[in-house]
Amino acid sequence: MSLPAPDLPTASSVPSSQLTETERDALLCDQRASVIRDAFRALRERQRVVLALHYFEELSLAQIAPVLGVTESRARRIHRQALRTLRDALHAPLGLAA
């Protein structure tokens, strides 16, 4: 069950100079979450499955491998590639250091 998003101003609806610090922080957090969601959705399906099972369901890569019908080594490569793809996709939009 997901909770409805609070009614926050959007970047185009209110000049940033009129927002409180809390509203600016909330807006920035919302924008970052959107960038992360988009980057996650852009991953290949197998990469999304591996990350979801590993980080949200807390399964080991050895446990994930049979779910995908691959070896543990292949599951590790998929995991590593997914993280690299996410890092590369998020580097510029989130202003992360190299």
N, C-alpha and C. Protein backbone atom coordinates (compact mmCIF):
# COMPACT_ATOMS: atom_id res chain seq x y z
N MET A 1 0.84 -1.17 0.00
CA MET A 1 0.00 0.00 0.00
C MET A 1 0.88 1.23 0.00
N SER A 2 0.62 2.14 -0.90
CA SER A 2 1.41 3.35 -0.93
C SER A 2 0.55 4.52 -0.50
N LEU A 3 1.18 5.44 0.13
CA LEU A 3 0.49 6.64 0.59
C LEU A 3 0.48 7.67 -0.51
N PRO A 4 -0.59 8.47 -0.58
CA PRO A 4 -0.60 9.50 -1.62
C PRO A 4 0.49 10.53 -1.36
N ALA A 5 1.04 11.03 -2.43
CA ALA A 5 2.10 12.03 -2.30
C ALA A 5 1.49 13.32 -1.77
N PRO A 6 2.20 13.99 -0.88
CA PRO A 6 1.68 15.26 -0.38
C PRO A 6 1.64 16.30 -1.49
N ASP A 7 0.78 17.26 -1.35
CA ASP A 7 0.69 18.34 -2.34
C ASP A 7 1.86 19.28 -2.16
N LEU A 8 2.89 19.06 -2.95
CA LEU A 8 4.08 19.90 -2.89
C LEU A 8 4.12 20.79 -4.12
N PRO A 9 4.68 21.95 -3.97
CA PRO A 9 4.83 22.80 -5.14
C PRO A 9 5.79 22.14 -6.13
N THR A 10 5.57 22.39 -7.38
CA THR A 10 6.49 21.88 -8.38
C THR A 10 7.46 22.98 -8.76
N ALA A 11 8.53 22.59 -9.43
CA ALA A 11 9.56 23.56 -9.79
C ALA A 11 8.99 24.68 -10.67
N SER A 12 7.99 24.34 -11.47
CA SER A 12 7.44 25.35 -12.37
C SER A 12 6.30 26.16 -11.75
N SER A 13 5.74 25.71 -10.64
CA SER A 13 4.56 26.39 -10.10
C SER A 13 4.89 27.56 -9.17
N VAL A 14 6.03 27.50 -8.51
CA VAL A 14 6.37 28.54 -7.55
C VAL A 14 7.85 28.88 -7.69
N PRO A 15 8.19 30.14 -7.77
CA PRO A 15 9.62 30.50 -7.82
C PRO A 15 10.32 30.01 -6.54
N SER A 16 11.52 29.50 -6.69
CA SER A 16 12.23 28.94 -5.53
C SER A 16 12.44 29.98 -4.42
N SER A 17 12.48 31.25 -4.78
CA SER A 17 12.67 32.29 -3.76
C SER A 17 11.45 32.41 -2.85
N GLN A 18 10.30 31.91 -3.27
CA GLN A 18 9.08 31.99 -2.45
C GLN A 18 8.85 30.74 -1.61
N LEU A 19 9.70 29.74 -1.75
CA LEU A 19 9.55 28.51 -0.99
C LEU A 19 10.30 28.61 0.33
N THR A 20 9.76 27.96 1.35
CA THR A 20 10.49 27.88 2.61
C THR A 20 11.61 26.87 2.44
N GLU A 21 12.54 26.87 3.37
CA GLU A 21 13.65 25.93 3.29
C GLU A 21 13.14 24.49 3.32
N THR A 22 12.15 24.22 4.13
CA THR A 22 11.56 22.88 4.22
C THR A 22 10.90 22.49 2.90
N GLU A 23 10.21 23.43 2.27
CA GLU A 23 9.57 23.15 0.98
C GLU A 23 10.61 22.90 -0.10
N ARG A 24 11.69 23.69 -0.08
CA ARG A 24 12.78 23.48 -1.06
C ARG A 24 13.41 22.11 -0.85
N ASP A 25 13.64 21.74 0.40
CA ASP A 25 14.22 20.42 0.70
C ASP A 25 13.30 19.29 0.23
N ALA A 26 12.01 19.45 0.49
CA ALA A 26 11.04 18.43 0.07
C ALA A 26 10.98 18.33 -1.45
N LEU A 27 11.02 19.46 -2.13
CA LEU A 27 11.00 19.48 -3.58
C LEU A 27 12.26 18.81 -4.15
N LEU A 28 13.40 19.15 -3.58
CA LEU A 28 14.65 18.54 -4.02
C LEU A 28 14.64 17.04 -3.79
N CYS A 29 14.15 16.60 -2.65
CA CYS A 29 14.05 15.17 -2.33
C CYS A 29 13.14 14.47 -3.33
N ASP A 30 12.01 15.08 -3.66
CA ASP A 30 11.07 14.52 -4.61
C ASP A 30 11.70 14.42 -6.00
N GLN A 31 12.44 15.45 -6.40
CA GLN A 31 13.10 15.44 -7.71
C GLN A 31 14.16 14.35 -7.77
N ARG A 32 14.93 14.21 -6.70
CA ARG A 32 15.95 13.16 -6.66
C ARG A 32 15.32 11.78 -6.71
N ALA A 33 14.24 11.58 -5.97
CA ALA A 33 13.55 10.28 -5.98
C ALA A 33 13.05 9.96 -7.39
N SER A 34 12.57 10.96 -8.09
CA SER A 34 12.08 10.76 -9.45
C SER A 34 13.22 10.35 -10.38
N VAL A 35 14.37 10.98 -10.24
CA VAL A 35 15.54 10.63 -11.06
C VAL A 35 15.97 9.19 -10.77
N ILE A 36 15.98 8.81 -9.50
CA ILE A 36 16.38 7.45 -9.12
C ILE A 36 15.38 6.43 -9.66
N ARG A 37 14.07 6.72 -9.52
CA ARG A 37 13.04 5.81 -10.05
C ARG A 37 13.20 5.63 -11.56
N ASP A 38 13.41 6.73 -12.26
CA ASP A 38 13.58 6.64 -13.72
C ASP A 38 14.80 5.81 -14.09
N ALA A 39 15.89 6.00 -13.37
CA ALA A 39 17.11 5.24 -13.66
C ALA A 39 16.89 3.75 -13.37
N PHE A 40 16.17 3.44 -12.29
CA PHE A 40 15.88 2.04 -11.95
C PHE A 40 14.99 1.42 -13.03
N ARG A 41 13.98 2.15 -13.48
CA ARG A 41 13.07 1.63 -14.51
C ARG A 41 13.78 1.43 -15.85
N ALA A 42 14.85 2.18 -16.08
CA ALA A 42 15.58 2.06 -17.35
C ALA A 42 16.49 0.83 -17.38
N LEU A 43 16.71 0.20 -16.23
CA LEU A 43 17.53 -1.01 -16.20
C LEU A 43 16.83 -2.14 -16.95
N ARG A 44 17.60 -3.10 -17.37
CA ARG A 44 17.02 -4.31 -17.97
C ARG A 44 16.25 -5.05 -16.88
N GLU A 45 15.27 -5.82 -17.31
CA GLU A 45 14.40 -6.51 -16.36
C GLU A 45 15.20 -7.39 -15.38
N ARG A 46 16.14 -8.14 -15.88
CA ARG A 46 16.94 -9.01 -15.00
C ARG A 46 17.71 -8.19 -13.97
N GLN A 47 18.21 -7.05 -14.38
CA GLN A 47 18.94 -6.20 -13.45
C GLN A 47 18.01 -5.68 -12.36
N ARG A 48 16.81 -5.26 -12.74
CA ARG A 48 15.83 -4.79 -11.75
C ARG A 48 15.47 -5.90 -10.78
N VAL A 49 15.27 -7.11 -11.31
CA VAL A 49 14.91 -8.25 -10.45
C VAL A 49 16.02 -8.54 -9.46
N VAL A 50 17.25 -8.58 -9.93
CA VAL A 50 18.38 -8.87 -9.04
C VAL A 50 18.48 -7.82 -7.94
N LEU A 51 18.40 -6.55 -8.30
CA LEU A 51 18.51 -5.50 -7.29
C LEU A 51 17.34 -5.56 -6.30
N ALA A 52 16.14 -5.76 -6.80
CA ALA A 52 14.96 -5.81 -5.92
C ALA A 52 15.06 -6.99 -4.95
N LEU A 53 15.42 -8.16 -5.47
CA LEU A 53 15.51 -9.33 -4.60
C LEU A 53 16.65 -9.19 -3.60
N HIS A 54 17.75 -8.62 -4.04
CA HIS A 54 18.91 -8.51 -3.15
C HIS A 54 18.72 -7.44 -2.08
N TYR A 55 18.25 -6.27 -2.47
CA TYR A 55 18.18 -5.16 -1.51
C TYR A 55 16.85 -5.04 -0.78
N PHE A 56 15.75 -5.43 -1.42
CA PHE A 56 14.45 -5.29 -0.76
C PHE A 56 14.01 -6.59 -0.09
N GLU A 57 14.29 -7.72 -0.73
CA GLU A 57 13.91 -9.02 -0.15
C GLU A 57 15.06 -9.65 0.63
N GLU A 58 16.22 -9.01 0.57
CA GLU A 58 17.42 -9.43 1.30
C GLU A 58 17.85 -10.86 0.99
N LEU A 59 17.73 -11.25 -0.28
CA LEU A 59 18.22 -12.55 -0.71
C LEU A 59 19.67 -12.41 -1.14
N SER A 60 20.42 -13.46 -0.92
CA SER A 60 21.81 -13.46 -1.37
C SER A 60 21.82 -13.71 -2.88
N LEU A 61 22.94 -13.40 -3.50
CA LEU A 61 23.04 -13.65 -4.94
C LEU A 61 22.99 -15.14 -5.24
N ALA A 62 23.46 -15.96 -4.30
CA ALA A 62 23.36 -17.41 -4.46
C ALA A 62 21.90 -17.86 -4.45
N GLN A 63 21.06 -17.19 -3.67
CA GLN A 63 19.63 -17.51 -3.64
C GLN A 63 18.90 -16.97 -4.87
N ILE A 64 19.38 -15.88 -5.40
CA ILE A 64 18.74 -15.26 -6.56
C ILE A 64 19.03 -16.04 -7.84
N ALA A 65 20.21 -16.61 -7.95
CA ALA A 65 20.62 -17.31 -9.18
C ALA A 65 19.60 -18.34 -9.66
N PRO A 66 19.13 -19.26 -8.80
CA PRO A 66 18.15 -20.24 -9.30
C PRO A 66 16.81 -19.61 -9.70
N VAL A 67 16.46 -18.51 -9.08
CA VAL A 67 15.22 -17.82 -9.46
C VAL A 67 15.30 -17.37 -10.91
N LEU A 68 16.47 -16.91 -11.30
CA LEU A 68 16.69 -16.44 -12.68
C LEU A 68 17.09 -17.57 -13.62
N GLY A 69 17.43 -18.72 -13.05
CA GLY A 69 17.89 -19.83 -13.88
C GLY A 69 19.30 -19.62 -14.40
N VAL A 70 20.14 -18.98 -13.58
CA VAL A 70 21.53 -18.72 -13.96
C VAL A 70 22.46 -19.19 -12.85
N THR A 71 23.74 -19.18 -13.13
CA THR A 71 24.71 -19.53 -12.10
C THR A 71 24.88 -18.36 -11.14
N GLU A 72 25.45 -18.64 -9.98
CA GLU A 72 25.71 -17.57 -9.02
C GLU A 72 26.67 -16.54 -9.62
N SER A 73 27.64 -17.02 -10.38
CA SER A 73 28.59 -16.12 -11.02
C SER A 73 27.87 -15.15 -11.96
N ARG A 74 26.91 -15.66 -12.72
CA ARG A 74 26.16 -14.81 -13.64
C ARG A 74 25.30 -13.82 -12.87
N ALA A 75 24.69 -14.25 -11.77
CA ALA A 75 23.89 -13.36 -10.93
C ALA A 75 24.77 -12.23 -10.40
N ARG A 76 26.00 -12.55 -10.03
CA ARG A 76 26.93 -11.52 -9.54
C ARG A 76 27.27 -10.51 -10.64
N ARG A 77 27.45 -11.01 -11.86
CA ARG A 77 27.75 -10.10 -12.98
C ARG A 77 26.56 -9.19 -13.27
N ILE A 78 25.35 -9.75 -13.24
CA ILE A 78 24.15 -8.95 -13.47
C ILE A 78 24.05 -7.86 -12.40
N HIS A 79 24.29 -8.23 -11.15
CA HIS A 79 24.25 -7.29 -10.02
C HIS A 79 25.27 -6.16 -10.23
N ARG A 80 26.49 -6.55 -10.55
CA ARG A 80 27.56 -5.57 -10.75
C ARG A 80 27.24 -4.64 -11.92
N GLN A 81 26.73 -5.19 -13.01
CA GLN A 81 26.38 -4.37 -14.18
C GLN A 81 25.24 -3.41 -13.84
N ALA A 82 24.27 -3.88 -13.07
CA ALA A 82 23.14 -3.02 -12.69
C ALA A 82 23.62 -1.84 -11.85
N LEU A 83 24.49 -2.12 -10.88
CA LEU A 83 25.01 -1.04 -10.04
C LEU A 83 25.82 -0.04 -10.85
N ARG A 84 26.62 -0.55 -11.78
CA ARG A 84 27.42 0.33 -12.63
C ARG A 84 26.52 1.20 -13.50
N THR A 85 25.49 0.60 -14.06
CA THR A 85 24.56 1.34 -14.91
C THR A 85 23.85 2.43 -14.10
N LEU A 86 23.39 2.08 -12.90
CA LEU A 86 22.74 3.07 -12.04
C LEU A 86 23.70 4.20 -11.67
N ARG A 87 24.91 3.84 -11.29
CA ARG A 87 25.90 4.86 -10.93
C ARG A 87 26.14 5.81 -12.09
N ASP A 88 26.31 5.27 -13.28
CA ASP A 88 26.55 6.11 -14.45
C ASP A 88 25.34 6.99 -14.77
N ALA A 89 24.14 6.43 -14.62
CA ALA A 89 22.92 7.19 -14.93
C ALA A 89 22.66 8.28 -13.90
N LEU A 90 23.08 8.08 -12.66
CA LEU A 90 22.79 9.03 -11.59
C LEU A 90 23.92 10.01 -11.34
N HIS A 91 25.07 9.77 -11.88
CA HIS A 91 26.24 10.60 -11.63
C HIS A 91 25.96 12.08 -11.91
N ALA A 92 25.56 12.41 -13.11
CA ALA A 92 25.35 13.82 -13.48
C ALA A 92 24.06 14.40 -12.90
N PRO A 93 22.91 13.71 -13.03
CA PRO A 93 21.67 14.31 -12.55
C PRO A 93 21.66 14.62 -11.04
N LEU A 94 22.35 13.81 -10.26
CA LEU A 94 22.35 14.03 -8.81
C LEU A 94 23.58 14.78 -8.34
N GLY A 95 24.45 15.12 -9.27
CA GLY A 95 25.64 15.88 -8.91
C GLY A 95 26.60 15.09 -8.04
N LEU A 96 26.71 13.79 -8.30
CA LEU A 96 27.60 12.95 -7.51
C LEU A 96 29.04 13.11 -7.97
N ALA A 97 29.95 13.00 -7.03
CA ALA A 97 31.37 13.08 -7.36
C ALA A 97 31.81 11.81 -8.07
N ALA A 98 32.81 11.94 -8.88
CA ALA A 98 33.33 10.78 -9.63
C ALA A 98 34.01 9.80 -8.72
